Full PDB file with SEQRES, HELIX, SHEET, SSBOND, CRYST1, ORIGX, SCALE, CONECT and MASTER records, all heavy atoms in Angstrom:
SEQRES   1 A   43  THR VAL ILE GLY GLY MET SER GLY LEU SER GLY ALA ILE          
SEQRES   2 A   43  VAL GLY GLY TYR LEU LEU GLY ALA LEU THR VAL GLY MET          
SEQRES   3 A   43  GLN LEU LEU LEU PRO GLN GLY LEU LEU ASP TYR ARG ASP          
SEQRES   4 A   43  ALA PHE THR PHE                                              
HELIX    1 AA1 LEU A    9  LEU A   29  1                                  21    
HELIX    2 AA2 GLN A   32  TYR A   37  5                                   6    
HELIX    3 AA3 ARG A   38  THR A   42  1                                   5    
CRYST1    1.000    1.000    1.000  90.00  90.00  90.00 P 1           1          
ORIGX1      1.000000  0.000000  0.000000        0.00000                         
ORIGX2      0.000000  1.000000  0.000000        0.00000                         
ORIGX3      0.000000  0.000000  1.000000        0.00000                         
SCALE1      1.000000  0.000000  0.000000        0.00000                         
SCALE2      0.000000  1.000000  0.000000        0.00000                         
SCALE3      0.000000  0.000000  1.000000        0.00000                         
ATOM      1  N   THR A   1       0.846  -1.229  -0.011  1.00  0.00           N  
ATOM      2  CA  THR A   1       0.005  -0.010  -0.004  1.00  0.00           C  
ATOM      3  C   THR A   1       0.871   1.270  -0.001  1.00  0.00           C  
ATOM      4  O   THR A   1       0.579   2.225  -0.733  1.00  0.00           O  
ATOM      5  CB  THR A   1      -0.942   0.034   1.178  1.00  0.00           C  
ATOM      6  OG1 THR A   1      -1.672  -1.158   1.231  1.00  0.00           O  
ATOM      7  CG2 THR A   1      -1.875   1.186   1.128  1.00  0.00           C  
ATOM      8  N   VAL A   2       1.937   1.262   0.747  1.00  0.00           N  
ATOM      9  CA  VAL A   2       2.816   2.438   0.781  1.00  0.00           C  
ATOM     10  C   VAL A   2       3.536   2.618  -0.528  1.00  0.00           C  
ATOM     11  O   VAL A   2       3.703   3.686  -1.008  1.00  0.00           O  
ATOM     12  CB  VAL A   2       3.802   2.241   2.058  1.00  0.00           C  
ATOM     13  CG1 VAL A   2       4.877   3.374   1.965  1.00  0.00           C  
ATOM     14  CG2 VAL A   2       3.095   2.327   3.322  1.00  0.00           C  
ATOM     15  N   ILE A   3       3.999   1.489  -1.105  1.00  0.00           N  
ATOM     16  CA  ILE A   3       4.671   1.564  -2.364  1.00  0.00           C  
ATOM     17  C   ILE A   3       3.796   2.174  -3.452  1.00  0.00           C  
ATOM     18  O   ILE A   3       4.165   3.086  -4.209  1.00  0.00           O  
ATOM     19  CB  ILE A   3       5.188   0.194  -2.846  1.00  0.00           C  
ATOM     20  CG1 ILE A   3       6.246  -0.355  -1.971  1.00  0.00           C  
ATOM     21  CG2 ILE A   3       5.706   0.248  -4.286  1.00  0.00           C  
ATOM     22  CD1 ILE A   3       6.645  -1.768  -2.325  1.00  0.00           C  
ATOM     23  N   GLY A   4       2.531   1.630  -3.556  1.00  0.00           N  
ATOM     24  CA  GLY A   4       1.667   2.090  -4.599  1.00  0.00           C  
ATOM     25  C   GLY A   4       1.124   3.488  -4.359  1.00  0.00           C  
ATOM     26  O   GLY A   4       0.842   4.194  -5.234  1.00  0.00           O  
ATOM     27  N   GLY A   5       0.964   3.890  -3.051  1.00  0.00           N  
ATOM     28  CA  GLY A   5       0.379   5.119  -2.728  1.00  0.00           C  
ATOM     29  C   GLY A   5      -0.841   4.969  -1.912  1.00  0.00           C  
ATOM     30  O   GLY A   5      -1.731   4.224  -2.302  1.00  0.00           O  
ATOM     31  N   MET A   6      -0.890   5.696  -0.793  1.00  0.00           N  
ATOM     32  CA  MET A   6      -2.101   5.553   0.047  1.00  0.00           C  
ATOM     33  C   MET A   6      -3.304   6.382  -0.451  1.00  0.00           C  
ATOM     34  O   MET A   6      -4.312   6.400   0.212  1.00  0.00           O  
ATOM     35  CB  MET A   6      -1.712   6.047   1.445  1.00  0.00           C  
ATOM     36  CG  MET A   6      -0.493   5.361   2.101  1.00  0.00           C  
ATOM     37  SD  MET A   6      -0.861   3.638   2.572  1.00  0.00           S  
ATOM     38  CE  MET A   6      -1.812   3.914   4.126  1.00  0.00           C  
ATOM     39  N   SER A   7      -3.120   7.075  -1.597  1.00  0.00           N  
ATOM     40  CA  SER A   7      -4.189   8.029  -1.992  1.00  0.00           C  
ATOM     41  C   SER A   7      -5.376   7.272  -2.656  1.00  0.00           C  
ATOM     42  O   SER A   7      -6.413   7.897  -2.818  1.00  0.00           O  
ATOM     43  CB  SER A   7      -3.576   8.978  -3.066  1.00  0.00           C  
ATOM     44  OG  SER A   7      -3.101   8.256  -4.157  1.00  0.00           O  
ATOM     45  N   GLY A   8      -5.265   6.053  -3.000  1.00  0.00           N  
ATOM     46  CA  GLY A   8      -6.429   5.376  -3.629  1.00  0.00           C  
ATOM     47  C   GLY A   8      -6.210   3.877  -3.688  1.00  0.00           C  
ATOM     48  O   GLY A   8      -5.111   3.365  -3.427  1.00  0.00           O  
ATOM     49  N   LEU A   9      -7.188   3.191  -4.223  1.00  0.00           N  
ATOM     50  CA  LEU A   9      -7.103   1.725  -4.340  1.00  0.00           C  
ATOM     51  C   LEU A   9      -6.216   1.237  -5.515  1.00  0.00           C  
ATOM     52  O   LEU A   9      -5.656   0.166  -5.471  1.00  0.00           O  
ATOM     53  CB  LEU A   9      -8.518   1.162  -4.544  1.00  0.00           C  
ATOM     54  CG  LEU A   9      -9.539   1.532  -3.423  1.00  0.00           C  
ATOM     55  CD1 LEU A   9     -10.840   0.746  -3.620  1.00  0.00           C  
ATOM     56  CD2 LEU A   9      -8.968   1.217  -2.086  1.00  0.00           C  
ATOM     57  N   SER A  10      -6.140   2.101  -6.545  1.00  0.00           N  
ATOM     58  CA  SER A  10      -5.266   1.775  -7.668  1.00  0.00           C  
ATOM     59  C   SER A  10      -3.837   1.518  -7.219  1.00  0.00           C  
ATOM     60  O   SER A  10      -3.125   0.658  -7.701  1.00  0.00           O  
ATOM     61  CB  SER A  10      -5.361   2.796  -8.759  1.00  0.00           C  
ATOM     62  OG  SER A  10      -6.630   2.949  -9.308  1.00  0.00           O  
ATOM     63  N   GLY A  11      -3.378   2.472  -6.299  1.00  0.00           N  
ATOM     64  CA  GLY A  11      -1.969   2.376  -5.794  1.00  0.00           C  
ATOM     65  C   GLY A  11      -1.748   1.074  -5.064  1.00  0.00           C  
ATOM     66  O   GLY A  11      -0.662   0.473  -5.228  1.00  0.00           O  
ATOM     67  N   ALA A  12      -2.787   0.568  -4.340  1.00  0.00           N  
ATOM     68  CA  ALA A  12      -2.619  -0.652  -3.610  1.00  0.00           C  
ATOM     69  C   ALA A  12      -2.467  -1.827  -4.541  1.00  0.00           C  
ATOM     70  O   ALA A  12      -1.634  -2.760  -4.311  1.00  0.00           O  
ATOM     71  CB  ALA A  12      -3.852  -0.881  -2.725  1.00  0.00           C  
ATOM     72  N   ILE A  13      -3.186  -1.815  -5.693  1.00  0.00           N  
ATOM     73  CA  ILE A  13      -3.113  -2.906  -6.598  1.00  0.00           C  
ATOM     74  C   ILE A  13      -1.742  -2.888  -7.331  1.00  0.00           C  
ATOM     75  O   ILE A  13      -1.092  -3.923  -7.439  1.00  0.00           O  
ATOM     76  CB  ILE A  13      -4.203  -2.777  -7.671  1.00  0.00           C  
ATOM     77  CG1 ILE A  13      -5.590  -2.961  -6.967  1.00  0.00           C  
ATOM     78  CG2 ILE A  13      -4.053  -3.851  -8.770  1.00  0.00           C  
ATOM     79  CD1 ILE A  13      -6.764  -2.670  -7.859  1.00  0.00           C  
ATOM     80  N   VAL A  14      -1.278  -1.685  -7.703  1.00  0.00           N  
ATOM     81  CA  VAL A  14       0.021  -1.564  -8.401  1.00  0.00           C  
ATOM     82  C   VAL A  14       1.137  -1.961  -7.471  1.00  0.00           C  
ATOM     83  O   VAL A  14       2.069  -2.752  -7.806  1.00  0.00           O  
ATOM     84  CB  VAL A  14       0.219  -0.118  -8.876  1.00  0.00           C  
ATOM     85  CG1 VAL A  14       1.640   0.096  -9.361  1.00  0.00           C  
ATOM     86  CG2 VAL A  14      -0.728   0.176 -10.005  1.00  0.00           C  
ATOM     87  N   GLY A  15       1.035  -1.515  -6.161  1.00  0.00           N  
ATOM     88  CA  GLY A  15       2.067  -1.903  -5.179  1.00  0.00           C  
ATOM     89  C   GLY A  15       2.093  -3.370  -4.940  1.00  0.00           C  
ATOM     90  O   GLY A  15       3.182  -3.972  -4.765  1.00  0.00           O  
ATOM     91  N   GLY A  16       0.922  -4.039  -4.932  1.00  0.00           N  
ATOM     92  CA  GLY A  16       0.879  -5.507  -4.708  1.00  0.00           C  
ATOM     93  C   GLY A  16       1.606  -6.267  -5.790  1.00  0.00           C  
ATOM     94  O   GLY A  16       2.387  -7.180  -5.544  1.00  0.00           O  
ATOM     95  N   TYR A  17       1.276  -5.875  -7.026  1.00  0.00           N  
ATOM     96  CA  TYR A  17       1.821  -6.593  -8.170  1.00  0.00           C  
ATOM     97  C   TYR A  17       3.364  -6.357  -8.262  1.00  0.00           C  
ATOM     98  O   TYR A  17       4.180  -7.240  -8.652  1.00  0.00           O  
ATOM     99  CB  TYR A  17       1.178  -6.253  -9.535  1.00  0.00           C  
ATOM    100  CG  TYR A  17      -0.114  -7.012  -9.676  1.00  0.00           C  
ATOM    101  CD1 TYR A  17      -1.389  -6.425  -9.522  1.00  0.00           C  
ATOM    102  CD2 TYR A  17      -0.037  -8.396 -10.106  1.00  0.00           C  
ATOM    103  CE1 TYR A  17      -2.524  -7.189  -9.714  1.00  0.00           C  
ATOM    104  CE2 TYR A  17      -1.187  -9.100 -10.244  1.00  0.00           C  
ATOM    105  CZ  TYR A  17      -2.442  -8.475 -10.111  1.00  0.00           C  
ATOM    106  OH  TYR A  17      -3.534  -9.234 -10.278  1.00  0.00           O  
ATOM    107  N   LEU A  18       3.735  -5.108  -7.963  1.00  0.00           N  
ATOM    108  CA  LEU A  18       5.173  -4.779  -8.032  1.00  0.00           C  
ATOM    109  C   LEU A  18       5.972  -5.525  -6.937  1.00  0.00           C  
ATOM    110  O   LEU A  18       7.017  -6.096  -7.203  1.00  0.00           O  
ATOM    111  CB  LEU A  18       5.421  -3.277  -7.807  1.00  0.00           C  
ATOM    112  CG  LEU A  18       6.864  -2.780  -7.774  1.00  0.00           C  
ATOM    113  CD1 LEU A  18       7.576  -3.165  -9.038  1.00  0.00           C  
ATOM    114  CD2 LEU A  18       6.992  -1.294  -7.482  1.00  0.00           C  
ATOM    115  N   LEU A  19       5.383  -5.640  -5.707  1.00  0.00           N  
ATOM    116  CA  LEU A  19       6.038  -6.344  -4.666  1.00  0.00           C  
ATOM    117  C   LEU A  19       6.111  -7.849  -4.975  1.00  0.00           C  
ATOM    118  O   LEU A  19       7.132  -8.495  -4.704  1.00  0.00           O  
ATOM    119  CB  LEU A  19       5.293  -6.078  -3.320  1.00  0.00           C  
ATOM    120  CG  LEU A  19       5.966  -6.670  -2.086  1.00  0.00           C  
ATOM    121  CD1 LEU A  19       7.363  -6.075  -1.881  1.00  0.00           C  
ATOM    122  CD2 LEU A  19       5.136  -6.375  -0.849  1.00  0.00           C  
ATOM    123  N   GLY A  20       5.075  -8.353  -5.622  1.00  0.00           N  
ATOM    124  CA  GLY A  20       5.115  -9.774  -5.988  1.00  0.00           C  
ATOM    125  C   GLY A  20       6.163 -10.073  -7.022  1.00  0.00           C  
ATOM    126  O   GLY A  20       6.911 -11.075  -6.953  1.00  0.00           O  
ATOM    127  N   ALA A  21       6.238  -9.120  -8.009  1.00  0.00           N  
ATOM    128  CA  ALA A  21       7.306  -9.302  -9.082  1.00  0.00           C  
ATOM    129  C   ALA A  21       8.726  -9.246  -8.442  1.00  0.00           C  
ATOM    130  O   ALA A  21       9.601 -10.011  -8.819  1.00  0.00           O  
ATOM    131  CB  ALA A  21       7.137  -8.229 -10.126  1.00  0.00           C  
ATOM    132  N   LEU A  22       8.908  -8.325  -7.522  1.00  0.00           N  
ATOM    133  CA  LEU A  22      10.237  -8.192  -6.872  1.00  0.00           C  
ATOM    134  C   LEU A  22      10.504  -9.484  -6.052  1.00  0.00           C  
ATOM    135  O   LEU A  22      11.692  -9.978  -6.150  1.00  0.00           O  
ATOM    136  CB  LEU A  22      10.231  -6.986  -5.951  1.00  0.00           C  
ATOM    137  CG  LEU A  22      10.420  -5.570  -6.615  1.00  0.00           C  
ATOM    138  CD1 LEU A  22      10.284  -4.525  -5.573  1.00  0.00           C  
ATOM    139  CD2 LEU A  22      11.714  -5.488  -7.299  1.00  0.00           C  
ATOM    140  N   THR A  23       9.588  -9.961  -5.369  1.00  0.00           N  
ATOM    141  CA  THR A  23       9.824 -11.115  -4.496  1.00  0.00           C  
ATOM    142  C   THR A  23      10.158 -12.365  -5.388  1.00  0.00           C  
ATOM    143  O   THR A  23      11.138 -13.041  -5.039  1.00  0.00           O  
ATOM    144  CB  THR A  23       8.591 -11.433  -3.645  1.00  0.00           C  
ATOM    145  OG1 THR A  23       8.213 -10.291  -2.804  1.00  0.00           O  
ATOM    146  CG2 THR A  23       8.797 -12.652  -2.753  1.00  0.00           C  
ATOM    147  N   VAL A  24       9.405 -12.601  -6.443  1.00  0.00           N  
ATOM    148  CA  VAL A  24       9.678 -13.750  -7.279  1.00  0.00           C  
ATOM    149  C   VAL A  24      11.015 -13.475  -8.029  1.00  0.00           C  
ATOM    150  O   VAL A  24      11.764 -14.445  -8.174  1.00  0.00           O  
ATOM    151  CB  VAL A  24       8.522 -13.978  -8.300  1.00  0.00           C  
ATOM    152  CG1 VAL A  24       8.849 -15.050  -9.256  1.00  0.00           C  
ATOM    153  CG2 VAL A  24       7.255 -14.292  -7.532  1.00  0.00           C  
ATOM    154  N   GLY A  25      11.302 -12.301  -8.415  1.00  0.00           N  
ATOM    155  CA  GLY A  25      12.509 -12.039  -9.135  1.00  0.00           C  
ATOM    156  C   GLY A  25      13.745 -12.323  -8.283  1.00  0.00           C  
ATOM    157  O   GLY A  25      14.699 -12.889  -8.698  1.00  0.00           O  
ATOM    158  N   MET A  26      13.621 -11.889  -7.027  1.00  0.00           N  
ATOM    159  CA  MET A  26      14.732 -12.229  -6.075  1.00  0.00           C  
ATOM    160  C   MET A  26      14.897 -13.691  -5.828  1.00  0.00           C  
ATOM    161  O   MET A  26      16.037 -14.241  -5.814  1.00  0.00           O  
ATOM    162  CB  MET A  26      14.519 -11.502  -4.705  1.00  0.00           C  
ATOM    163  CG  MET A  26      14.570 -10.017  -4.768  1.00  0.00           C  
ATOM    164  SD  MET A  26      16.227  -9.425  -5.165  1.00  0.00           S  
ATOM    165  CE  MET A  26      15.909  -7.694  -5.331  1.00  0.00           C  
ATOM    166  N   GLN A  27      13.774 -14.447  -5.803  1.00  0.00           N  
ATOM    167  CA  GLN A  27      13.866 -15.859  -5.609  1.00  0.00           C  
ATOM    168  C   GLN A  27      14.562 -16.555  -6.768  1.00  0.00           C  
ATOM    169  O   GLN A  27      15.298 -17.515  -6.545  1.00  0.00           O  
ATOM    170  CB  GLN A  27      12.414 -16.445  -5.399  1.00  0.00           C  
ATOM    171  CG  GLN A  27      12.360 -17.939  -5.227  1.00  0.00           C  
ATOM    172  CD  GLN A  27      12.827 -18.328  -3.869  1.00  0.00           C  
ATOM    173  OE1 GLN A  27      12.647 -17.660  -2.840  1.00  0.00           O  
ATOM    174  NE2 GLN A  27      13.486 -19.547  -3.802  1.00  0.00           N  
ATOM    175  N   LEU A  28      14.309 -16.053  -7.975  1.00  0.00           N  
ATOM    176  CA  LEU A  28      14.861 -16.712  -9.178  1.00  0.00           C  
ATOM    177  C   LEU A  28      16.289 -16.237  -9.533  1.00  0.00           C  
ATOM    178  O   LEU A  28      17.061 -17.083 -10.028  1.00  0.00           O  
ATOM    179  CB  LEU A  28      13.930 -16.467 -10.382  1.00  0.00           C  
ATOM    180  CG  LEU A  28      12.521 -17.081 -10.294  1.00  0.00           C  
ATOM    181  CD1 LEU A  28      11.702 -16.678 -11.489  1.00  0.00           C  
ATOM    182  CD2 LEU A  28      12.621 -18.593 -10.250  1.00  0.00           C  
ATOM    183  N   LEU A  29      16.633 -15.001  -9.244  1.00  0.00           N  
ATOM    184  CA  LEU A  29      17.895 -14.489  -9.688  1.00  0.00           C  
ATOM    185  C   LEU A  29      19.020 -14.512  -8.637  1.00  0.00           C  
ATOM    186  O   LEU A  29      20.158 -14.473  -9.091  1.00  0.00           O  
ATOM    187  CB  LEU A  29      17.616 -13.009 -10.160  1.00  0.00           C  
ATOM    188  CG  LEU A  29      16.605 -12.840 -11.343  1.00  0.00           C  
ATOM    189  CD1 LEU A  29      16.413 -11.324 -11.657  1.00  0.00           C  
ATOM    190  CD2 LEU A  29      17.110 -13.589 -12.558  1.00  0.00           C  
ATOM    191  N   LEU A  30      18.603 -14.476  -7.380  1.00  0.00           N  
ATOM    192  CA  LEU A  30      19.720 -14.459  -6.368  1.00  0.00           C  
ATOM    193  C   LEU A  30      20.428 -15.722  -6.330  1.00  0.00           C  
ATOM    194  O   LEU A  30      19.810 -16.817  -6.497  1.00  0.00           O  
ATOM    195  CB  LEU A  30      19.117 -14.128  -4.989  1.00  0.00           C  
ATOM    196  CG  LEU A  30      18.728 -12.669  -4.694  1.00  0.00           C  
ATOM    197  CD1 LEU A  30      18.118 -12.566  -3.334  1.00  0.00           C  
ATOM    198  CD2 LEU A  30      19.900 -11.747  -4.834  1.00  0.00           C  
ATOM    199  N   PRO A  31      21.774 -15.767  -6.120  1.00  0.00           N  
ATOM    200  CA  PRO A  31      22.520 -16.999  -5.858  1.00  0.00           C  
ATOM    201  C   PRO A  31      22.001 -17.739  -4.677  1.00  0.00           C  
ATOM    202  O   PRO A  31      21.421 -17.156  -3.826  1.00  0.00           O  
ATOM    203  CB  PRO A  31      23.953 -16.494  -5.743  1.00  0.00           C  
ATOM    204  CG  PRO A  31      23.994 -15.136  -6.348  1.00  0.00           C  
ATOM    205  CD  PRO A  31      22.612 -14.573  -6.127  1.00  0.00           C  
ATOM    206  N   GLN A  32      22.253 -19.055  -4.661  1.00  0.00           N  
ATOM    207  CA  GLN A  32      21.738 -19.857  -3.563  1.00  0.00           C  
ATOM    208  C   GLN A  32      22.198 -19.343  -2.175  1.00  0.00           C  
ATOM    209  O   GLN A  32      21.380 -19.375  -1.246  1.00  0.00           O  
ATOM    210  CB  GLN A  32      22.209 -21.313  -3.782  1.00  0.00           C  
ATOM    211  CG  GLN A  32      21.559 -22.338  -2.817  1.00  0.00           C  
ATOM    212  CD  GLN A  32      20.056 -22.433  -3.029  1.00  0.00           C  
ATOM    213  OE1 GLN A  32      19.582 -22.401  -4.148  1.00  0.00           O  
ATOM    214  NE2 GLN A  32      19.288 -22.729  -1.930  1.00  0.00           N  
ATOM    215  N   GLY A  33      23.431 -18.907  -2.131  1.00  0.00           N  
ATOM    216  CA  GLY A  33      23.899 -18.428  -0.853  1.00  0.00           C  
ATOM    217  C   GLY A  33      23.369 -17.138  -0.349  1.00  0.00           C  
ATOM    218  O   GLY A  33      23.467 -16.777   0.835  1.00  0.00           O  
ATOM    219  N   LEU A  34      22.658 -16.439  -1.238  1.00  0.00           N  
ATOM    220  CA  LEU A  34      21.998 -15.133  -0.844  1.00  0.00           C  
ATOM    221  C   LEU A  34      20.526 -15.235  -0.699  1.00  0.00           C  
ATOM    222  O   LEU A  34      19.870 -14.185  -0.363  1.00  0.00           O  
ATOM    223  CB  LEU A  34      22.354 -14.034  -1.821  1.00  0.00           C  
ATOM    224  CG  LEU A  34      23.827 -13.675  -1.953  1.00  0.00           C  
ATOM    225  CD1 LEU A  34      24.056 -12.633  -3.037  1.00  0.00           C  
ATOM    226  CD2 LEU A  34      24.350 -13.142  -0.589  1.00  0.00           C  
ATOM    227  N   LEU A  35      19.908 -16.357  -0.867  1.00  0.00           N  
ATOM    228  CA  LEU A  35      18.436 -16.516  -0.797  1.00  0.00           C  
ATOM    229  C   LEU A  35      17.926 -16.170   0.582  1.00  0.00           C  
ATOM    230  O   LEU A  35      16.821 -15.667   0.694  1.00  0.00           O  
ATOM    231  CB  LEU A  35      17.993 -17.934  -1.223  1.00  0.00           C  
ATOM    232  CG  LEU A  35      18.022 -18.245  -2.700  1.00  0.00           C  
ATOM    233  CD1 LEU A  35      17.581 -19.623  -2.993  1.00  0.00           C  
ATOM    234  CD2 LEU A  35      17.092 -17.241  -3.463  1.00  0.00           C  
ATOM    235  N   ASP A  36      18.697 -16.449   1.595  1.00  0.00           N  
ATOM    236  CA  ASP A  36      18.225 -16.138   2.930  1.00  0.00           C  
ATOM    237  C   ASP A  36      18.070 -14.687   3.185  1.00  0.00           C  
ATOM    238  O   ASP A  36      17.394 -14.249   4.097  1.00  0.00           O  
ATOM    239  CB  ASP A  36      19.229 -16.756   3.908  1.00  0.00           C  
ATOM    240  CG  ASP A  36      19.189 -18.238   4.033  1.00  0.00           C  
ATOM    241  OD1 ASP A  36      18.166 -18.812   3.566  1.00  0.00           O  
ATOM    242  OD2 ASP A  36      20.170 -18.849   4.518  1.00  0.00           O  
ATOM    243  N   TYR A  37      18.704 -13.837   2.283  1.00  0.00           N  
ATOM    244  CA  TYR A  37      18.669 -12.385   2.429  1.00  0.00           C  
ATOM    245  C   TYR A  37      17.736 -11.778   1.368  1.00  0.00           C  
ATOM    246  O   TYR A  37      17.773 -10.560   1.157  1.00  0.00           O  
ATOM    247  CB  TYR A  37      20.055 -11.801   2.253  1.00  0.00           C  
ATOM    248  CG  TYR A  37      21.071 -12.374   3.217  1.00  0.00           C  
ATOM    249  CD1 TYR A  37      21.941 -13.368   2.795  1.00  0.00           C  
ATOM    250  CD2 TYR A  37      21.141 -11.929   4.587  1.00  0.00           C  
ATOM    251  CE1 TYR A  37      22.892 -13.931   3.691  1.00  0.00           C  
ATOM    252  CE2 TYR A  37      22.060 -12.479   5.399  1.00  0.00           C  
ATOM    253  CZ  TYR A  37      22.916 -13.505   4.996  1.00  0.00           C  
ATOM    254  OH  TYR A  37      23.828 -13.996   5.895  1.00  0.00           O  
ATOM    255  N   ARG A  38      16.796 -12.574   0.833  1.00  0.00           N  
ATOM    256  CA  ARG A  38      15.907 -12.132  -0.253  1.00  0.00           C  
ATOM    257  C   ARG A  38      15.060 -10.976   0.265  1.00  0.00           C  
ATOM    258  O   ARG A  38      14.940  -9.968  -0.398  1.00  0.00           O  
ATOM    259  CB  ARG A  38      15.054 -13.305  -0.660  1.00  0.00           C  
ATOM    260  CG  ARG A  38      14.024 -12.888  -1.752  1.00  0.00           C  
ATOM    261  CD  ARG A  38      13.031 -14.006  -1.965  1.00  0.00           C  
ATOM    262  NE  ARG A  38      12.222 -14.264  -0.762  1.00  0.00           N  
ATOM    263  CZ  ARG A  38      11.405 -15.245  -0.671  1.00  0.00           C  
ATOM    264  NH1 ARG A  38      11.281 -16.123  -1.626  1.00  0.00           N  
ATOM    265  NH2 ARG A  38      10.701 -15.388   0.484  1.00  0.00           N  
ATOM    266  N   ASP A  39      14.511 -11.136   1.454  1.00  0.00           N  
ATOM    267  CA  ASP A  39      13.661 -10.075   2.008  1.00  0.00           C  
ATOM    268  C   ASP A  39      14.400  -8.747   2.191  1.00  0.00           C  
ATOM    269  O   ASP A  39      13.906  -7.661   1.981  1.00  0.00           O  
ATOM    270  CB  ASP A  39      13.013 -10.465   3.309  1.00  0.00           C  
ATOM    271  CG  ASP A  39      11.969 -11.563   3.116  1.00  0.00           C  
ATOM    272  OD1 ASP A  39      11.534 -11.821   2.020  1.00  0.00           O  
ATOM    273  OD2 ASP A  39      11.648 -12.275   4.137  1.00  0.00           O  
ATOM    274  N   ALA A  40      15.683  -8.863   2.599  1.00  0.00           N  
ATOM    275  CA  ALA A  40      16.489  -7.671   2.823  1.00  0.00           C  
ATOM    276  C   ALA A  40      16.710  -6.958   1.511  1.00  0.00           C  
ATOM    277  O   ALA A  40      16.554  -5.666   1.472  1.00  0.00           O  
ATOM    278  CB  ALA A  40      17.797  -8.059   3.468  1.00  0.00           C  
ATOM    279  N   PHE A  41      17.023  -7.655   0.448  1.00  0.00           N  
ATOM    280  CA  PHE A  41      17.156  -7.059  -0.836  1.00  0.00           C  
ATOM    281  C   PHE A  41      15.867  -6.425  -1.314  1.00  0.00           C  
ATOM    282  O   PHE A  41      15.838  -5.322  -1.880  1.00  0.00           O  
ATOM    283  CB  PHE A  41      17.660  -8.121  -1.858  1.00  0.00           C  
ATOM    284  CG  PHE A  41      19.094  -8.448  -1.759  1.00  0.00           C  
ATOM    285  CD1 PHE A  41      19.517  -9.651  -1.267  1.00  0.00           C  
ATOM    286  CD2 PHE A  41      20.074  -7.483  -2.110  1.00  0.00           C  
ATOM    287  CE1 PHE A  41      20.840  -9.972  -1.089  1.00  0.00           C  
ATOM    288  CE2 PHE A  41      21.449  -7.813  -2.021  1.00  0.00           C  
ATOM    289  CZ  PHE A  41      21.773  -9.008  -1.470  1.00  0.00           C  
ATOM    290  N   THR A  42      14.760  -7.115  -1.133  1.00  0.00           N  
ATOM    291  CA  THR A  42      13.451  -6.634  -1.550  1.00  0.00           C  
ATOM    292  C   THR A  42      13.115  -5.314  -0.847  1.00  0.00           C  
ATOM    293  O   THR A  42      12.666  -4.346  -1.433  1.00  0.00           O  
ATOM    294  CB  THR A  42      12.351  -7.645  -1.261  1.00  0.00           C  
ATOM    295  OG1 THR A  42      12.641  -8.920  -1.970  1.00  0.00           O  
ATOM    296  CG2 THR A  42      10.976  -7.203  -1.734  1.00  0.00           C  
ATOM    297  N   PHE A  43      13.355  -5.292   0.516  1.00  0.00           N  
ATOM    298  CA  PHE A  43      13.053  -4.124   1.235  1.00  0.00           C  
ATOM    299  C   PHE A  43      13.958  -2.947   0.869  1.00  0.00           C  
ATOM    300  O   PHE A  43      13.586  -1.737   0.933  1.00  0.00           O  
ATOM    301  CB  PHE A  43      13.114  -4.386   2.698  1.00  0.00           C  
ATOM    302  CG  PHE A  43      12.016  -5.269   3.270  1.00  0.00           C  
ATOM    303  CD1 PHE A  43      12.200  -6.119   4.278  1.00  0.00           C  
ATOM    304  CD2 PHE A  43      10.731  -5.270   2.662  1.00  0.00           C  
ATOM    305  CE1 PHE A  43      11.192  -7.003   4.773  1.00  0.00           C  
ATOM    306  CE2 PHE A  43       9.722  -6.105   3.117  1.00  0.00           C  
ATOM    307  CZ  PHE A  43       9.968  -6.952   4.151  1.00  0.00           C  
TER     308      PHE A  43                                                      
MASTER        0    0    0    3    0    0    0    6  307    1    0    4          
END                                                                             
C-alpha cells in the first residue's frame, strides 16, 4: 500500500503486483547463498 500510494485503491493494486514481481525475481535471480537475504534485498 505504501509503495503504490495511500491515495487510492489503484495504488494498492500496483504496489501489490510490483512487490510480487520483486519477491519472485529475487527468488529466481539471487545466488543460492544469498536466498536467505531475499527479504532484505526486496526491502
